Amino acid sequence: MTCFVDTSAVLILLNRLDPDHKAARKQWEQLLAAEHDLVTTSYVAL
């Protein structure tokens, strides 16, 4: 399965002080363990 990863999730993963860091890291590890294809983009839709 291909999963879209929003850049805000990446920022949360990089910031250990973020209140959602632990939950984001758990989800990230589950996606990696399941070997999903992860994609993101720099495109912004307003």
PDB file of N, CA and C in Angstrom:
ATOM      1  N   MET A   1       0.845  -1.164   0.000  1.00  0.00           N
ATOM      2  CA  MET A   1       0.000   0.000   0.000  1.00  0.00           C
ATOM      3  C   MET A   1       0.898   1.237   0.000  1.00  0.00           C
ATOM      4  N   THR A   2       0.443   2.277  -0.668  1.00  0.00           N
ATOM      5  CA  THR A   2       1.146   3.554  -0.676  1.00  0.00           C
ATOM      6  C   THR A   2       0.452   4.504   0.290  1.00  0.00           C
ATOM      7  N   CYS A   3       1.230   5.125   1.159  1.00  0.00           N
ATOM      8  CA  CYS A   3       0.687   6.055   2.151  1.00  0.00           C
ATOM      9  C   CYS A   3       1.273   7.441   1.940  1.00  0.00           C
ATOM     10  N   PHE A   4       0.409   8.444   1.953  1.00  0.00           N
ATOM     11  CA  PHE A   4       0.861   9.823   1.852  1.00  0.00           C
ATOM     12  C   PHE A   4       1.230  10.314   3.243  1.00  0.00           C
ATOM     13  N   VAL A   5       2.416  10.886   3.372  1.00  0.00           N
ATOM     14  CA  VAL A   5       2.883  11.420   4.651  1.00  0.00           C
ATOM     15  C   VAL A   5       2.931  12.937   4.534  1.00  0.00           C
ATOM     16  N   ASP A   6       2.094  13.604   5.302  1.00  0.00           N
ATOM     17  CA  ASP A   6       2.083  15.056   5.311  1.00  0.00           C
ATOM     18  C   ASP A   6       3.361  15.570   5.965  1.00  0.00           C
ATOM     19  N   THR A   7       3.874  16.683   5.470  1.00  0.00           N
ATOM     20  CA  THR A   7       5.126  17.212   6.017  1.00  0.00           C
ATOM     21  C   THR A   7       5.001  17.595   7.488  1.00  0.00           C
ATOM     22  N   SER A   8       3.800  17.919   7.952  1.00  0.00           N
ATOM     23  CA  SER A   8       3.642  18.236   9.378  1.00  0.00           C
ATOM     24  C   SER A   8       3.954  17.014  10.236  1.00  0.00           C
ATOM     25  N   ALA A   9       3.668  15.828   9.732  1.00  0.00           N
ATOM     26  CA  ALA A   9       4.004  14.607  10.469  1.00  0.00           C
ATOM     27  C   ALA A   9       5.515  14.435  10.573  1.00  0.00           C
ATOM     28  N   VAL A  10       6.219  14.775   9.514  1.00  0.00           N
ATOM     29  CA  VAL A  10       7.686  14.684   9.532  1.00  0.00           C
ATOM     30  C   VAL A  10       8.251  15.656  10.561  1.00  0.00           C
ATOM     31  N   LEU A  11       7.701  16.858  10.605  1.00  0.00           N
ATOM     32  CA  LEU A  11       8.167  17.844  11.586  1.00  0.00           C
ATOM     33  C   LEU A  11       7.921  17.374  13.014  1.00  0.00           C
ATOM     34  N   ILE A  12       6.786  16.745  13.249  1.00  0.00           N
ATOM     35  CA  ILE A  12       6.489  16.209  14.581  1.00  0.00           C
ATOM     36  C   ILE A  12       7.482  15.110  14.936  1.00  0.00           C
ATOM     37  N   LEU A  13       7.829  14.268  13.971  1.00  0.00           N
ATOM     38  CA  LEU A  13       8.813  13.208  14.225  1.00  0.00           C
ATOM     39  C   LEU A  13      10.178  13.782  14.590  1.00  0.00           C
ATOM     40  N   LEU A  14      10.527  14.910  14.014  1.00  0.00           N
ATOM     41  CA  LEU A  14      11.825  15.527  14.272  1.00  0.00           C
ATOM     42  C   LEU A  14      11.866  16.309  15.585  1.00  0.00           C
ATOM     43  N   ASN A  15      10.706  16.671  16.102  1.00  0.00           N
ATOM     44  CA  ASN A  15      10.633  17.497  17.304  1.00  0.00           C
ATOM     45  C   ASN A  15      10.189  16.655  18.502  1.00  0.00           C
ATOM     46  N   ARG A  16      11.138  16.201  19.281  1.00  0.00           N
ATOM     47  CA  ARG A  16      10.820  15.354  20.436  1.00  0.00           C
ATOM     48  C   ARG A  16      10.010  16.070  21.509  1.00  0.00           C
ATOM     49  N   LEU A  17       9.981  17.389  21.468  1.00  0.00           N
ATOM     50  CA  LEU A  17       9.218  18.155  22.456  1.00  0.00           C
ATOM     51  C   LEU A  17       7.755  18.332  22.054  1.00  0.00           C
ATOM     52  N   ASP A  18       7.417  17.956  20.829  1.00  0.00           N
ATOM     53  CA  ASP A  18       6.034  18.081  20.367  1.00  0.00           C
ATOM     54  C   ASP A  18       5.150  17.115  21.147  1.00  0.00           C
ATOM     55  N   PRO A  19       3.979  17.565  21.599  1.00  0.00           N
ATOM     56  CA  PRO A  19       3.078  16.690  22.368  1.00  0.00           C
ATOM     57  C   PRO A  19       2.642  15.430  21.610  1.00  0.00           C
ATOM     58  N   ASP A  20       2.659  15.475  20.282  1.00  0.00           N
ATOM     59  CA  ASP A  20       2.230  14.330  19.472  1.00  0.00           C
ATOM     60  C   ASP A  20       3.387  13.469  18.977  1.00  0.00           C
ATOM     61  N   HIS A  21       4.599  13.775  19.419  1.00  0.00           N
ATOM     62  CA  HIS A  21       5.780  13.059  18.930  1.00  0.00           C
ATOM     63  C   HIS A  21       5.687  11.549  19.175  1.00  0.00           C
ATOM     64  N   LYS A  22       5.317  11.162  20.375  1.00  0.00           N
ATOM     65  CA  LYS A  22       5.285   9.732  20.713  1.00  0.00           C
ATOM     66  C   LYS A  22       4.278   8.978  19.829  1.00  0.00           C
ATOM     67  N   ALA A  23       3.104   9.543  19.646  1.00  0.00           N
ATOM     68  CA  ALA A  23       2.081   8.897  18.809  1.00  0.00           C
ATOM     69  C   ALA A  23       2.523   8.849  17.347  1.00  0.00           C
ATOM     70  N   ALA A  24       3.132   9.930  16.879  1.00  0.00           N
ATOM     71  CA  ALA A  24       3.605   9.969  15.490  1.00  0.00           C
ATOM     72  C   ALA A  24       4.706   8.945  15.270  1.00  0.00           C
ATOM     73  N   ARG A  25       5.596   8.829  16.226  1.00  0.00           N
ATOM     74  CA  ARG A  25       6.687   7.860  16.101  1.00  0.00           C
ATOM     75  C   ARG A  25       6.147   6.429  16.063  1.00  0.00           C
ATOM     76  N   LYS A  26       5.137   6.153  16.884  1.00  0.00           N
ATOM     77  CA  LYS A  26       4.533   4.813  16.890  1.00  0.00           C
ATOM     78  C   LYS A  26       3.924   4.495  15.520  1.00  0.00           C
ATOM     79  N   GLN A  27       3.187   5.444  14.953  1.00  0.00           N
ATOM     80  CA  GLN A  27       2.591   5.241  13.632  1.00  0.00           C
ATOM     81  C   GLN A  27       3.666   5.071  12.565  1.00  0.00           C
ATOM     82  N   TRP A  28       4.720   5.885  12.647  1.00  0.00           N
ATOM     83  CA  TRP A  28       5.830   5.821  11.690  1.00  0.00           C
ATOM     84  C   TRP A  28       6.461   4.435  11.716  1.00  0.00           C
ATOM     85  N   GLU A  29       6.721   3.928  12.912  1.00  0.00           N
ATOM     86  CA  GLU A  29       7.339   2.607  13.055  1.00  0.00           C
ATOM     87  C   GLU A  29       6.437   1.509  12.510  1.00  0.00           C
ATOM     88  N   GLN A  30       5.122   1.650  12.699  1.00  0.00           N
ATOM     89  CA  GLN A  30       4.184   0.661  12.161  1.00  0.00           C
ATOM     90  C   GLN A  30       4.184   0.683  10.631  1.00  0.00           C
ATOM     91  N   LEU A  31       4.225   1.874  10.053  1.00  0.00           N
ATOM     92  CA  LEU A  31       4.269   1.981   8.589  1.00  0.00           C
ATOM     93  C   LEU A  31       5.546   1.367   8.035  1.00  0.00           C
ATOM     94  N   LEU A  32       6.671   1.641   8.688  1.00  0.00           N
ATOM     95  CA  LEU A  32       7.938   1.070   8.229  1.00  0.00           C
ATOM     96  C   LEU A  32       7.951  -0.450   8.369  1.00  0.00           C
ATOM     97  N   ALA A  33       7.433  -0.953   9.476  1.00  0.00           N
ATOM     98  CA  ALA A  33       7.407  -2.398   9.708  1.00  0.00           C
ATOM     99  C   ALA A  33       6.535  -3.108   8.673  1.00  0.00           C
ATOM    100  N   ALA A  34       5.469  -2.447   8.248  1.00  0.00           N
ATOM    101  CA  ALA A  34       4.566  -3.033   7.254  1.00  0.00           C
ATOM    102  C   ALA A  34       5.106  -2.871   5.835  1.00  0.00           C
ATOM    103  N   GLU A  35       6.234  -2.180   5.706  1.00  0.00           N
ATOM    104  CA  GLU A  35       6.894  -1.960   4.417  1.00  0.00           C
ATOM    105  C   GLU A  35       6.000  -1.254   3.398  1.00  0.00           C
ATOM    106  N   HIS A  36       5.191  -0.318   3.886  1.00  0.00           N
ATOM    107  CA  HIS A  36       4.379   0.496   2.982  1.00  0.00           C
ATOM    108  C   HIS A  36       5.281   1.469   2.232  1.00  0.00           C
ATOM    109  N   ASP A  37       4.872   1.833   1.026  1.00  0.00           N
ATOM    110  CA  ASP A  37       5.559   2.888   0.283  1.00  0.00           C
ATOM    111  C   ASP A  37       5.083   4.218   0.854  1.00  0.00           C
ATOM    112  N   LEU A  38       6.023   5.067   1.257  1.00  0.00           N
ATOM    113  CA  LEU A  38       5.682   6.358   1.839  1.00  0.00           C
ATOM    114  C   LEU A  38       6.042   7.457   0.855  1.00  0.00           C
ATOM    115  N   VAL A  39       5.098   8.355   0.607  1.00  0.00           N
ATOM    116  CA  VAL A  39       5.333   9.461  -0.318  1.00  0.00           C
ATOM    117  C   VAL A  39       4.928  10.775   0.342  1.00  0.00           C
ATOM    118  N   THR A  40       5.548  11.838  -0.092  1.00  0.00           N
ATOM    119  CA  THR A  40       5.190  13.181   0.353  1.00  0.00           C
ATOM    120  C   THR A  40       5.416  14.132  -0.808  1.00  0.00           C
ATOM    121  N   THR A  41       5.067  15.380  -0.613  1.00  0.00           N
ATOM    122  CA  THR A  41       5.229  16.373  -1.669  1.00  0.00           C
ATOM    123  C   THR A  41       5.469  17.744  -1.057  1.00  0.00           C
ATOM    124  N   SER A  42       6.027  18.619  -1.842  1.00  0.00           N
ATOM    125  CA  SER A  42       6.189  20.002  -1.403  1.00  0.00           C
ATOM    126  C   SER A  42       5.025  20.859  -1.904  1.00  0.00           C
ATOM    127  N   TYR A  43       4.102  20.244  -2.622  1.00  0.00           N
ATOM    128  CA  TYR A  43       2.947  20.954  -3.168  1.00  0.00           C
ATOM    129  C   TYR A  43       2.020  21.389  -2.040  1.00  0.00           C
ATOM    130  N   VAL A  44       1.520  22.603  -2.114  1.00  0.00           N
ATOM    131  CA  VAL A  44       0.599  23.122  -1.102  1.00  0.00           C
ATOM    132  C   VAL A  44      -0.715  23.474  -1.783  1.00  0.00           C
ATOM    133  N   ALA A  45      -1.812  22.934  -1.270  1.00  0.00           N
ATOM    134  CA  ALA A  45      -3.135  23.252  -1.796  1.00  0.00           C
ATOM    135  C   ALA A  45      -3.824  24.207  -0.827  1.00  0.00           C
ATOM    136  N   LEU A  46      -4.324  25.290  -1.352  1.00  0.00           N
ATOM    137  CA  LEU A  46      -5.020  26.268  -0.505  1.00  0.00           C
ATOM    138  C   LEU A  46      -6.494  26.251  -0.772  1.00  0.00           C
TER     139      LEU A  46
END
